[in-house]
């Protein structure tokens, strides 16, 4: 069972049901309400559940379908035995919430452990690092929820690479940037495409390949829907236990790729880092004390 010899708790049974599917933030709010208000919530009508959560009734129906049920009544039939078990156990709300939050952290630890296992043979990441280090300019792409990670990567990469161009918007602006990068001699794009996958990112990646750029993508799973359309795909699991995804493993993978880039040209890396530190100290960028 994964919990020694004991049976899973009602909360664990619900989490196992939810974890099998990718839910939107609205759907996760419904899931959270069910977790927080067992056993009563499992006996609510779809209208009453929608009212209590603060969403529309169709959102509750879509939630049930997202979990693989034909509709809300079908989901409710699956929830009721879990609810009856919860009623027998009488878990207090604070314990339930603490267990849920700890479970979210545990899931992130498992994502990091999976990433660690994938790096037992680091040759693929090291090769990507070499290719990115040699691409001048290097374009870093990420839209919507992936934009902050692209910004982080680009900020750090600029310390060790002479020409890094970060693109966090889609459409014609992204196409212009990609074309200019290619015409300036760039060979690679590194993109961050984390769920929910931004359509403008996928479109930009397709355009990048059209103009002759090779594409490496950091995403959440090797079976991402665009996996066959990119040159290199690097996967790191995303935490889905909370209302919004958490990204410990993708950010760690970004740092690993940065390290591979730095190691690909150690002389350039050292020279650029020393020059930056000298400038930062002279200008007073940081307050260390």
C-alpha atoms as a PDB file:
ATOM      1  CA  UNK A   1       0.000   0.000   0.000  1.00  0.00           C
ATOM      2  CA  UNK A   2       2.961   2.369   0.364  1.00  0.00           C
ATOM      3  CA  UNK A   3       2.063   3.008   4.056  1.00  0.00           C
ATOM      4  CA  UNK A   4       3.418  -0.120   5.705  1.00  0.00           C
ATOM      5  CA  UNK A   5       0.575  -2.485   6.649  1.00  0.00           C
ATOM      6  CA  UNK A   6      -2.067   0.168   7.374  1.00  0.00           C
ATOM      7  CA  UNK A   7      -4.916   1.037   5.048  1.00  0.00           C
ATOM      8  CA  UNK A   8      -4.792   4.465   3.386  1.00  0.00           C
ATOM      9  CA  UNK A   9      -6.688   7.225   5.145  1.00  0.00           C
ATOM     10  CA  UNK A  10      -9.664   8.924   3.449  1.00  0.00           C
ATOM     11  CA  UNK A  11      -7.451  11.929   2.680  1.00  0.00           C
ATOM     12  CA  UNK A  12      -4.831   9.669   1.079  1.00  0.00           C
ATOM     13  CA  UNK A  13      -7.527   7.944  -0.977  1.00  0.00           C
ATOM     14  CA  UNK A  14      -8.792  11.285  -2.254  1.00  0.00           C
ATOM     15  CA  UNK A  15      -5.292  12.530  -3.001  1.00  0.00           C
ATOM     16  CA  UNK A  16      -4.557   9.340  -4.925  1.00  0.00           C
ATOM     17  CA  UNK A  17      -7.674   9.975  -7.017  1.00  0.00           C
ATOM     18  CA  UNK A  18      -6.727  13.588  -7.715  1.00  0.00           C
ATOM     19  CA  UNK A  19      -3.068  12.853  -8.395  1.00  0.00           C
ATOM     20  CA  UNK A  20      -3.891  10.659 -11.372  1.00  0.00           C
ATOM     21  CA  UNK A  21      -5.032  13.662 -13.394  1.00  0.00           C
ATOM     22  CA  UNK A  22      -3.856  17.162 -14.246  1.00  0.00           C
ATOM     23  CA  UNK A  23      -6.322  19.638 -12.798  1.00  0.00           C
ATOM     24  CA  UNK A  24      -6.689  23.331 -13.504  1.00  0.00           C
ATOM     25  CA  UNK A  25      -6.418  25.821 -10.597  1.00  0.00           C
ATOM     26  CA  UNK A  26     -10.233  26.061 -10.436  1.00  0.00           C
ATOM     27  CA  UNK A  27     -10.541  22.279 -10.336  1.00  0.00           C
ATOM     28  CA  UNK A  28      -7.921  22.119  -7.595  1.00  0.00           C
ATOM     29  CA  UNK A  29     -10.044  24.516  -5.520  1.00  0.00           C
ATOM     30  CA  UNK A  30     -12.927  22.047  -5.797  1.00  0.00           C
ATOM     31  CA  UNK A  31     -10.608  19.190  -4.866  1.00  0.00           C
ATOM     32  CA  UNK A  32      -9.316  21.154  -1.881  1.00  0.00           C
ATOM     33  CA  UNK A  33     -12.869  21.828  -0.699  1.00  0.00           C
ATOM     34  CA  UNK A  34     -13.661  18.129  -0.842  1.00  0.00           C
ATOM     35  CA  UNK A  35     -10.537  17.381   1.179  1.00  0.00           C
ATOM     36  CA  UNK A  36     -11.278  20.076   3.729  1.00  0.00           C
ATOM     37  CA  UNK A  37     -14.941  19.216   4.221  1.00  0.00           C
ATOM     38  CA  UNK A  38     -15.151  15.449   4.260  1.00  0.00           C
ATOM     39  CA  UNK A  39     -17.501  13.756   4.824  1.00  0.00           C
ATOM     40  CA  UNK A  40     -20.226  16.368   4.252  1.00  0.00           C
ATOM     41  CA  UNK A  41     -18.971  17.691   0.902  1.00  0.00           C
ATOM     42  CA  UNK A  42     -19.310  14.299  -0.774  1.00  0.00           C
ATOM     43  CA  UNK A  43     -23.100  14.391  -0.253  1.00  0.00           C
ATOM     44  CA  UNK A  44     -23.665  17.876  -1.713  1.00  0.00           C
ATOM     45  CA  UNK A  45     -25.379  18.385  -5.036  1.00  0.00           C
ATOM     46  CA  UNK A  46     -23.249  19.823  -7.823  1.00  0.00           C
ATOM     47  CA  UNK A  47     -25.045  23.155  -7.409  1.00  0.00           C
ATOM     48  CA  UNK A  48     -24.458  23.253  -3.655  1.00  0.00           C
ATOM     49  CA  UNK A  49     -20.812  22.225  -4.042  1.00  0.00           C
ATOM     50  CA  UNK A  50     -20.310  24.938  -6.668  1.00  0.00           C
ATOM     51  CA  UNK A  51     -21.888  27.526  -4.349  1.00  0.00           C
ATOM     52  CA  UNK A  52     -19.713  26.554  -1.398  1.00  0.00           C
ATOM     53  CA  UNK A  53     -16.506  26.604  -3.461  1.00  0.00           C
ATOM     54  CA  UNK A  54     -17.475  29.785  -5.314  1.00  0.00           C
ATOM     55  CA  UNK A  55     -17.357  28.348  -8.833  1.00  0.00           C
ATOM     56  CA  UNK A  56     -19.978  27.642 -11.488  1.00  0.00           C
ATOM     57  CA  UNK A  57     -21.962  24.414 -11.607  1.00  0.00           C
ATOM     58  CA  UNK A  58     -20.455  23.541 -15.025  1.00  0.00           C
ATOM     59  CA  UNK A  59     -17.016  23.824 -13.388  1.00  0.00           C
ATOM     60  CA  UNK A  60     -18.011  21.047 -10.982  1.00  0.00           C
ATOM     61  CA  UNK A  61     -19.152  18.901 -13.906  1.00  0.00           C
ATOM     62  CA  UNK A  62     -15.891  19.550 -15.768  1.00  0.00           C
ATOM     63  CA  UNK A  63     -14.017  18.631 -12.574  1.00  0.00           C
ATOM     64  CA  UNK A  64     -15.765  15.245 -12.472  1.00  0.00           C
ATOM     65  CA  UNK A  65     -15.039  14.620 -16.151  1.00  0.00           C
ATOM     66  CA  UNK A  66     -11.387  15.636 -15.653  1.00  0.00           C
ATOM     67  CA  UNK A  67     -11.137  12.883 -13.043  1.00  0.00           C
ATOM     68  CA  UNK A  68     -12.367  10.340 -15.589  1.00  0.00           C
ATOM     69  CA  UNK A  69     -16.032  10.124 -14.528  1.00  0.00           C
ATOM     70  CA  UNK A  70     -19.028  10.466 -16.830  1.00  0.00           C
ATOM     71  CA  UNK A  71     -20.383  13.307 -14.704  1.00  0.00           C
ATOM     72  CA  UNK A  72     -20.831  14.531 -11.156  1.00  0.00           C
ATOM     73  CA  UNK A  73     -23.255  11.759 -10.048  1.00  0.00           C
ATOM     74  CA  UNK A  74     -20.695   9.160 -11.087  1.00  0.00           C
ATOM     75  CA  UNK A  75     -17.983  10.976  -9.106  1.00  0.00           C
ATOM     76  CA  UNK A  76     -20.296  11.282  -6.114  1.00  0.00           C
ATOM     77  CA  UNK A  77     -20.853   7.525  -6.057  1.00  0.00           C
ATOM     78  CA  UNK A  78     -17.083   7.060  -5.863  1.00  0.00           C
ATOM     79  CA  UNK A  79     -16.720   9.674  -3.137  1.00  0.00           C
ATOM     80  CA  UNK A  80     -19.377   8.368  -0.766  1.00  0.00           C
ATOM     81  CA  UNK A  81     -17.503   5.277   0.493  1.00  0.00           C
ATOM     82  CA  UNK A  82     -14.496   7.499   1.173  1.00  0.00           C
ATOM     83  CA  UNK A  83     -16.755   9.971   2.968  1.00  0.00           C
ATOM     84  CA  UNK A  84     -18.270   7.227   5.124  1.00  0.00           C
ATOM     85  CA  UNK A  85     -14.783   6.132   6.105  1.00  0.00           C
ATOM     86  CA  UNK A  86     -13.937   9.734   6.998  1.00  0.00           C
ATOM     87  CA  UNK A  87     -17.062   9.990   9.105  1.00  0.00           C
ATOM     88  CA  UNK A  88     -15.983   6.927  11.068  1.00  0.00           C
ATOM     89  CA  UNK A  89     -12.499   8.302  11.661  1.00  0.00           C
ATOM     90  CA  UNK A  90     -13.525  11.893  12.454  1.00  0.00           C
ATOM     91  CA  UNK A  91     -10.259  13.600  11.388  1.00  0.00           C
ATOM     92  CA  UNK A  92      -9.991  17.164  12.633  1.00  0.00           C
ATOM     93  CA  UNK A  93      -9.575  19.854   9.928  1.00  0.00           C
ATOM     94  CA  UNK A  94      -6.160  21.016  11.148  1.00  0.00           C
ATOM     95  CA  UNK A  95      -4.745  17.497  10.932  1.00  0.00           C
ATOM     96  CA  UNK A  96      -6.184  17.038   7.451  1.00  0.00           C
ATOM     97  CA  UNK A  97      -4.717  20.325   6.239  1.00  0.00           C
ATOM     98  CA  UNK A  98      -1.306  19.602   7.797  1.00  0.00           C
ATOM     99  CA  UNK A  99      -1.222  16.184   6.140  1.00  0.00           C
ATOM    100  CA  UNK A 100      -2.138  17.722   2.770  1.00  0.00           C
ATOM    101  CA  UNK A 101       0.610  20.345   2.966  1.00  0.00           C
ATOM    102  CA  UNK A 102       3.162  17.774   4.045  1.00  0.00           C
ATOM    103  CA  UNK A 103       2.040  15.540   1.195  1.00  0.00           C
ATOM    104  CA  UNK A 104       2.679  18.408  -1.232  1.00  0.00           C
ATOM    105  CA  UNK A 105       6.239  18.752   0.051  1.00  0.00           C
ATOM    106  CA  UNK A 106       6.696  14.973  -0.082  1.00  0.00           C
ATOM    107  CA  UNK A 107       5.621  15.018  -3.737  1.00  0.00           C
ATOM    108  CA  UNK A 108       8.249  17.674  -4.489  1.00  0.00           C
ATOM    109  CA  UNK A 109      10.889  15.575  -2.764  1.00  0.00           C
ATOM    110  CA  UNK A 110       9.930  12.677  -5.030  1.00  0.00           C
ATOM    111  CA  UNK A 111      10.228  14.950  -8.079  1.00  0.00           C
ATOM    112  CA  UNK A 112      13.718  15.954  -6.985  1.00  0.00           C
ATOM    113  CA  UNK A 113      14.664  12.334  -6.340  1.00  0.00           C
ATOM    114  CA  UNK A 114      13.468  11.400  -9.846  1.00  0.00           C
ATOM    115  CA  UNK A 115      15.582  14.235 -11.256  1.00  0.00           C
ATOM    116  CA  UNK A 116      18.552  12.997  -9.260  1.00  0.00           C
ATOM    117  CA  UNK A 117      18.117   9.507 -10.709  1.00  0.00           C
ATOM    118  CA  UNK A 118      17.947  10.913 -14.235  1.00  0.00           C
ATOM    119  CA  UNK A 119      21.361  12.513 -13.706  1.00  0.00           C
ATOM    120  CA  UNK A 120      23.137   9.261 -12.886  1.00  0.00           C
ATOM    121  CA  UNK A 121      24.294   9.515 -16.474  1.00  0.00           C
ATOM    122  CA  UNK A 122      24.789  13.270 -16.972  1.00  0.00           C
ATOM    123  CA  UNK A 123      26.064  13.038 -20.541  1.00  0.00           C
ATOM    124  CA  UNK A 124      22.864  14.335 -22.122  1.00  0.00           C
ATOM    125  CA  UNK A 125      22.667  17.426 -19.938  1.00  0.00           C
ATOM    126  CA  UNK A 126      26.382  18.088 -20.365  1.00  0.00           C
ATOM    127  CA  UNK A 127      26.026  17.897 -24.140  1.00  0.00           C
ATOM    128  CA  UNK A 128      23.095  20.328 -24.065  1.00  0.00           C
ATOM    129  CA  UNK A 129      25.160  22.658 -21.890  1.00  0.00           C
ATOM    130  CA  UNK A 130      27.983  22.600 -24.430  1.00  0.00           C
ATOM    131  CA  UNK A 131      25.619  23.334 -27.312  1.00  0.00           C
ATOM    132  CA  UNK A 132      23.962  26.216 -25.485  1.00  0.00           C
ATOM    133  CA  UNK A 133      27.310  27.648 -24.420  1.00  0.00           C
ATOM    134  CA  UNK A 134      28.488  27.621 -28.034  1.00  0.00           C
ATOM    135  CA  UNK A 135      25.363  29.277 -29.428  1.00  0.00           C
ATOM    136  CA  UNK A 136      25.938  33.014 -29.795  1.00  0.00           C
ATOM    137  CA  UNK A 137      23.454  34.489 -29.367  1.00  0.00           C
ATOM    138  CA  UNK A 138      21.506  32.123 -27.141  1.00  0.00           C
ATOM    139  CA  UNK A 139      17.746  32.652 -26.942  1.00  0.00           C
ATOM    140  CA  UNK A 140      15.845  31.682 -23.793  1.00  0.00           C
ATOM    141  CA  UNK A 141      12.092  31.352 -24.201  1.00  0.00           C
ATOM    142  CA  UNK A 142       9.248  31.064 -21.714  1.00  0.00           C
ATOM    143  CA  UNK A 143       5.713  32.469 -21.580  1.00  0.00           C
ATOM    144  CA  UNK A 144       3.061  32.805 -18.887  1.00  0.00           C
ATOM    145  CA  UNK A 145       3.830  30.606 -15.848  1.00  0.00           C
ATOM    146  CA  UNK A 146       7.176  29.596 -17.388  1.00  0.00           C
ATOM    147  CA  UNK A 147       8.330  33.194 -17.857  1.00  0.00           C
ATOM    148  CA  UNK A 148       9.819  33.628 -14.339  1.00  0.00           C
ATOM    149  CA  UNK A 149      11.984  30.519 -14.777  1.00  0.00           C
ATOM    150  CA  UNK A 150      13.133  31.765 -18.199  1.00  0.00           C
ATOM    151  CA  UNK A 151      13.999  35.110 -16.588  1.00  0.00           C
ATOM    152  CA  UNK A 152      15.932  33.346 -13.819  1.00  0.00           C
ATOM    153  CA  UNK A 153      17.866  31.246 -16.307  1.00  0.00           C
ATOM    154  CA  UNK A 154      18.569  34.223 -18.545  1.00  0.00           C
ATOM    155  CA  UNK A 155      19.718  36.407 -15.652  1.00  0.00           C
ATOM    156  CA  UNK A 156      22.248  33.816 -14.549  1.00  0.00           C
ATOM    157  CA  UNK A 157      23.290  32.805 -18.068  1.00  0.00           C
ATOM    158  CA  UNK A 158      24.227  36.406 -18.879  1.00  0.00           C
ATOM    159  CA  UNK A 159      26.940  36.172 -16.215  1.00  0.00           C
ATOM    160  CA  UNK A 160      28.733  33.408 -18.152  1.00  0.00           C
ATOM    161  CA  UNK A 161      27.620  33.875 -21.790  1.00  0.00           C
ATOM    162  CA  UNK A 162      28.289  36.945 -23.975  1.00  0.00           C
ATOM    163  CA  UNK A 163      24.877  37.203 -25.655  1.00  0.00           C
ATOM    164  CA  UNK A 164      21.728  35.852 -24.027  1.00  0.00           C
ATOM    165  CA  UNK A 165      18.330  37.007 -25.247  1.00  0.00           C
ATOM    166  CA  UNK A 166      15.296  36.289 -23.083  1.00  0.00           C
ATOM    167  CA  UNK A 167      11.883  36.186 -24.752  1.00  0.00           C
ATOM    168  CA  UNK A 168       8.834  35.999 -22.478  1.00  0.00           C
ATOM    169  CA  UNK A 169       6.124  37.188 -24.868  1.00  0.00           C
ATOM    170  CA  UNK A 170       4.554  35.340 -27.766  1.00  0.00           C
ATOM    171  CA  UNK A 171       3.324  36.273 -31.199  1.00  0.00           C
ATOM    172  CA  UNK A 172       5.141  38.485 -33.659  1.00  0.00           C
ATOM    173  CA  UNK A 173       7.541  39.851 -31.032  1.00  0.00           C
ATOM    174  CA  UNK A 174       8.802  36.339 -30.321  1.00  0.00           C
ATOM    175  CA  UNK A 175       9.112  35.582 -34.034  1.00  0.00           C
ATOM    176  CA  UNK A 176      11.125  38.779 -34.564  1.00  0.00           C
ATOM    177  CA  UNK A 177      13.469  37.892 -31.709  1.00  0.00           C
ATOM    178  CA  UNK A 178      13.987  34.343 -32.962  1.00  0.00           C
ATOM    179  CA  UNK A 179      14.663  35.439 -36.521  1.00  0.00           C
ATOM    180  CA  UNK A 180      17.128  38.105 -35.349  1.00  0.00           C
ATOM    181  CA  UNK A 181      18.881  35.574 -33.168  1.00  0.00           C
ATOM    182  CA  UNK A 182      19.263  33.173 -36.077  1.00  0.00           C
ATOM    183  CA  UNK A 183      20.482  35.896 -38.448  1.00  0.00           C
ATOM    184  CA  UNK A 184      23.043  36.952 -35.833  1.00  0.00           C
ATOM    185  CA  UNK A 185      24.506  33.432 -35.816  1.00  0.00           C
ATOM    186  CA  UNK A 186      22.499  31.791 -33.036  1.00  0.00           C
ATOM    187  CA  UNK A 187      22.016  28.056 -33.271  1.00  0.00           C
ATOM    188  CA  UNK A 188      19.951  27.115 -30.209  1.00  0.00           C
ATOM    189  CA  UNK A 189      16.844  28.113 -28.266  1.00  0.00           C
ATOM    190  CA  UNK A 190      16.290  26.922 -24.707  1.00  0.00           C
ATOM    191  CA  UNK A 191      12.606  27.016 -23.803  1.00  0.00           C
ATOM    192  CA  UNK A 192      10.725  26.425 -20.571  1.00  0.00           C
ATOM    193  CA  UNK A 193       7.304  24.933 -21.289  1.00  0.00           C
ATOM    194  CA  UNK A 194       5.613  23.941 -18.053  1.00  0.00           C
ATOM    195  CA  UNK A 195       1.942  23.108 -17.625  1.00  0.00           C
ATOM    196  CA  UNK A 196      -0.423  24.486 -18.506  1.00  0.00           C
ATOM    197  CA  UNK A 197       1.595  24.650 -21.725  1.00  0.00           C
ATOM    198  CA  UNK A 198       1.382  28.097 -23.285  1.00  0.00           C
ATOM    199  CA  UNK A 199       0.254  27.886 -26.887  1.00  0.00           C
ATOM    200  CA  UNK A 200       2.472  30.822 -27.856  1.00  0.00           C
ATOM    201  CA  UNK A 201       5.528  28.930 -26.609  1.00  0.00           C
ATOM    202  CA  UNK A 202       4.764  25.896 -28.754  1.00  0.00           C
ATOM    203  CA  UNK A 203       4.102  28.119 -31.783  1.00  0.00           C
ATOM    204  CA  UNK A 204       7.398  29.959 -31.200  1.00  0.00           C
ATOM    205  CA  UNK A 205       9.292  26.672 -30.975  1.00  0.00           C
ATOM    206  CA  UNK A 206       7.844  25.559 -34.293  1.00  0.00           C
ATOM    207  CA  UNK A 207       8.851  28.847 -35.860  1.00  0.00           C
ATOM    208  CA  UNK A 208      12.350  28.562 -34.380  1.00  0.00           C
ATOM    209  CA  UNK A 209      12.848  25.255 -36.176  1.00  0.00           C
ATOM    210  CA  UNK A 210      11.494  26.756 -39.391  1.00  0.00           C
ATOM    211  CA  UNK A 211      14.220  29.414 -39.372  1.00  0.00           C
ATOM    212  CA  UNK A 212      16.945  26.871 -38.616  1.00  0.00           C
ATOM    213  CA  UNK A 213      17.302  27.072 -34.834  1.00  0.00           C
ATOM    214  CA  UNK A 214      17.616  23.916 -32.780  1.00  0.00           C
ATOM    215  CA  UNK A 215      15.387  23.651 -29.741  1.00  0.00           C
ATOM    216  CA  UNK A 216      15.911  22.325 -26.218  1.00  0.00           C
ATOM    217  CA  UNK A 217      12.944  22.345 -23.852  1.00  0.00           C
ATOM    218  CA  UNK A 218      12.642  21.957 -20.098  1.00  0.00           C
ATOM    219  CA  UNK A 219       9.192  20.569 -19.313  1.00  0.00           C
ATOM    220  CA  UNK A 220       7.455  18.359 -16.788  1.00  0.00           C
ATOM    221  CA  UNK A 221       7.341  14.979 -18.522  1.00  0.00           C
ATOM    222  CA  UNK A 222       9.009  13.128 -21.413  1.00  0.00           C
ATOM    223  CA  UNK A 223       5.571  12.529 -22.954  1.00  0.00           C
ATOM    224  CA  UNK A 224       4.695  16.219 -23.289  1.00  0.00           C
ATOM    225  CA  UNK A 225       2.375  16.801 -26.279  1.00  0.00           C
ATOM    226  CA  UNK A 226       5.107  18.622 -28.225  1.00  0.00           C
ATOM    227  CA  UNK A 227       7.889  16.127 -27.481  1.00  0.00           C
ATOM    228  CA  UNK A 228       8.214  15.024 -31.112  1.00  0.00           C
ATOM    229  CA  UNK A 229       8.596  18.620 -32.302  1.00  0.00           C
ATOM    230  CA  UNK A 230      11.778  19.578 -30.408  1.00  0.00           C
ATOM    231  CA  UNK A 231      15.398  18.486 -30.684  1.00  0.00           C
ATOM    232  CA  UNK A 232      16.094  17.861 -26.984  1.00  0.00           C
ATOM    233  CA  UNK A 233      13.570  17.451 -24.191  1.00  0.00           C
ATOM    234  CA  UNK A 234      14.651  17.617 -20.537  1.00  0.00           C
ATOM    235  CA  UNK A 235      12.016  16.571 -18.014  1.00  0.00           C
ATOM    236  CA  UNK A 236      11.581  17.452 -14.345  1.00  0.00           C
ATOM    237  CA  UNK A 237       8.350  16.765 -12.474  1.00  0.00           C
ATOM    238  CA  UNK A 238       6.038  19.560 -11.394  1.00  0.00           C
ATOM    239  CA  UNK A 239       4.258  19.508  -8.030  1.00  0.00           C
ATOM    240  CA  UNK A 240       0.475  19.383  -8.470  1.00  0.00           C
ATOM    241  CA  UNK A 241      -0.786  18.930  -4.916  1.00  0.00           C
ATOM    242  CA  UNK A 242      -1.520  22.617  -4.279  1.00  0.00           C
ATOM    243  CA  UNK A 243      -3.883  25.036  -6.025  1.00  0.00           C
ATOM    244  CA  UNK A 244      -0.960  26.232  -8.153  1.00  0.00           C
ATOM    245  CA  UNK A 245       1.885  24.065  -9.408  1.00  0.00           C
ATOM    246  CA  UNK A 246       5.235  24.142  -7.630  1.00  0.00           C
ATOM    247  CA  UNK A 247       8.525  23.986  -9.526  1.00  0.00           C
ATOM    248  CA  UNK A 248      11.370  22.823  -7.295  1.00  0.00           C
ATOM    249  CA  UNK A 249      12.593  20.195  -9.767  1.00  0.00           C
ATOM    250  CA  UNK A 250      12.397  22.342 -12.962  1.00  0.00           C
ATOM    251  CA  UNK A 251      14.254  25.194 -11.253  1.00  0.00           C
ATOM    252  CA  UNK A 252      16.894  22.733 -10.047  1.00  0.00           C
ATOM    253  CA  UNK A 253      17.196  21.353 -13.582  1.00  0.00           C
ATOM    254  CA  UNK A 254      17.629  24.916 -14.879  1.00  0.00           C
ATOM    255  CA  UNK A 255      20.515  25.386 -12.440  1.00  0.00           C
ATOM    256  CA  UNK A 256      22.026  22.075 -13.578  1.00  0.00           C
ATOM    257  CA  UNK A 257      21.924  23.227 -17.212  1.00  0.00           C
ATOM    258  CA  UNK A 258      23.557  26.508 -16.173  1.00  0.00           C
ATOM    259  CA  UNK A 259      26.319  24.521 -14.472  1.00  0.00           C
ATOM    260  CA  UNK A 260      26.797  22.456 -17.642  1.00  0.00           C
ATOM    261  CA  UNK A 261      27.097  25.676 -19.651  1.00  0.00           C
ATOM    262  CA  UNK A 262      29.639  27.071 -17.197  1.00  0.00           C
ATOM    263  CA  UNK A 263      31.714  23.881 -17.296  1.00  0.00           C
ATOM    264  CA  UNK A 264      31.651  23.799 -21.111  1.00  0.00           C
ATOM    265  CA  UNK A 265      33.954  26.830 -21.301  1.00  0.00           C
ATOM    266  CA  UNK A 266      35.622  27.241 -17.892  1.00  0.00           C
ATOM    267  CA  UNK A 267      38.066  29.935 -19.000  1.00  0.00           C
ATOM    268  CA  UNK A 268      35.301  32.160 -20.362  1.00  0.00           C
ATOM    269  CA  UNK A 269      33.138  31.441 -17.336  1.00  0.00           C
ATOM    270  CA  UNK A 270      35.878  32.432 -14.893  1.00  0.00           C
ATOM    271  CA  UNK A 271      36.789  35.575 -16.798  1.00  0.00           C
ATOM    272  CA  UNK A 272      33.193  36.754 -17.058  1.00  0.00           C
ATOM    273  CA  UNK A 273      32.392  35.989 -13.431  1.00  0.00           C
ATOM    274  CA  UNK A 274      35.474  37.863 -12.215  1.00  0.00           C
ATOM    275  CA  UNK A 275      34.654  40.833 -14.447  1.00  0.00           C
ATOM    276  CA  UNK A 276      31.099  40.896 -13.162  1.00  0.00           C
ATOM    277  CA  UNK A 277      32.151  40.678  -9.517  1.00  0.00           C
ATOM    278  CA  UNK A 278      34.590  43.525 -10.053  1.00  0.00           C
ATOM    279  CA  UNK A 279      31.887  45.674 -11.622  1.00  0.00           C
ATOM    280  CA  UNK A 280      29.358  44.761  -8.937  1.00  0.00           C
ATOM    281  CA  UNK A 281      31.774  45.699  -6.182  1.00  0.00           C
ATOM    282  CA  UNK A 282      32.815  48.937  -7.884  1.00  0.00           C
ATOM    283  CA  UNK A 283      29.269  50.098  -8.549  1.00  0.00           C
ATOM    284  CA  UNK A 284      27.849  48.766  -5.281  1.00  0.00           C
ATOM    285  CA  UNK A 285      25.237  46.410  -6.690  1.00  0.00           C
ATOM    286  CA  UNK A 286      24.771  44.485  -3.494  1.00  0.00           C
ATOM    287  CA  UNK A 287      24.649  45.137   0.238  1.00  0.00           C
ATOM    288  CA  UNK A 288      26.291  42.175   1.922  1.00  0.00           C
ATOM    289  CA  UNK A 289      26.296  43.633   5.400  1.00  0.00           C
END
